[in-house]
């Protein structure tokens, strides 16, 4: 999403979506 790679991980049963923008290399979204 947002023109970047989406990485899904799971910590202690909580789904976390990290959407990292390719253009600036920064995280543009962080969802718990």
C-alpha atoms as a PDB file:
ATOM      1  CA  UNK A   1       0.000   0.000   0.000  1.00  0.00           C
ATOM      2  CA  UNK A   2       0.945   3.671  -0.421  1.00  0.00           C
ATOM      3  CA  UNK A   3       3.445   2.779  -3.149  1.00  0.00           C
ATOM      4  CA  UNK A   4       5.480   0.575  -0.815  1.00  0.00           C
ATOM      5  CA  UNK A   5       5.951  -3.010   0.282  1.00  0.00           C
ATOM      6  CA  UNK A   6       3.527  -4.314   2.883  1.00  0.00           C
ATOM      7  CA  UNK A   7       4.928  -6.530   5.615  1.00  0.00           C
ATOM      8  CA  UNK A   8       2.671  -8.432   7.980  1.00  0.00           C
ATOM      9  CA  UNK A   9       4.020  -9.777  11.267  1.00  0.00           C
ATOM     10  CA  UNK A  10       2.431 -11.193  14.406  1.00  0.00           C
ATOM     11  CA  UNK A  11       3.528 -10.396  17.961  1.00  0.00           C
ATOM     12  CA  UNK A  12       1.712 -11.906  20.935  1.00  0.00           C
ATOM     13  CA  UNK A  13      -1.428 -12.416  18.839  1.00  0.00           C
ATOM     14  CA  UNK A  14      -1.465  -8.820  17.596  1.00  0.00           C
ATOM     15  CA  UNK A  15      -1.452  -8.309  13.850  1.00  0.00           C
ATOM     16  CA  UNK A  16       0.842  -5.496  12.764  1.00  0.00           C
ATOM     17  CA  UNK A  17       0.889  -4.042   9.264  1.00  0.00           C
ATOM     18  CA  UNK A  18       3.954  -2.058   8.296  1.00  0.00           C
ATOM     19  CA  UNK A  19       3.625  -0.104   5.067  1.00  0.00           C
ATOM     20  CA  UNK A  20       7.052   1.130   4.039  1.00  0.00           C
ATOM     21  CA  UNK A  21       7.325   3.744   1.318  1.00  0.00           C
ATOM     22  CA  UNK A  22       9.937   2.938  -1.290  1.00  0.00           C
ATOM     23  CA  UNK A  23      10.497   6.560  -2.299  1.00  0.00           C
ATOM     24  CA  UNK A  24      11.713   7.838   1.063  1.00  0.00           C
ATOM     25  CA  UNK A  25      12.401   4.567   2.866  1.00  0.00           C
ATOM     26  CA  UNK A  26      10.347   5.650   5.871  1.00  0.00           C
ATOM     27  CA  UNK A  27       7.329   3.976   7.422  1.00  0.00           C
ATOM     28  CA  UNK A  28       4.211   5.811   6.299  1.00  0.00           C
ATOM     29  CA  UNK A  29       1.694   3.669   8.164  1.00  0.00           C
ATOM     30  CA  UNK A  30       1.705   1.562  11.294  1.00  0.00           C
ATOM     31  CA  UNK A  31      -1.384  -0.396  12.337  1.00  0.00           C
ATOM     32  CA  UNK A  32      -1.934  -2.480  15.464  1.00  0.00           C
END
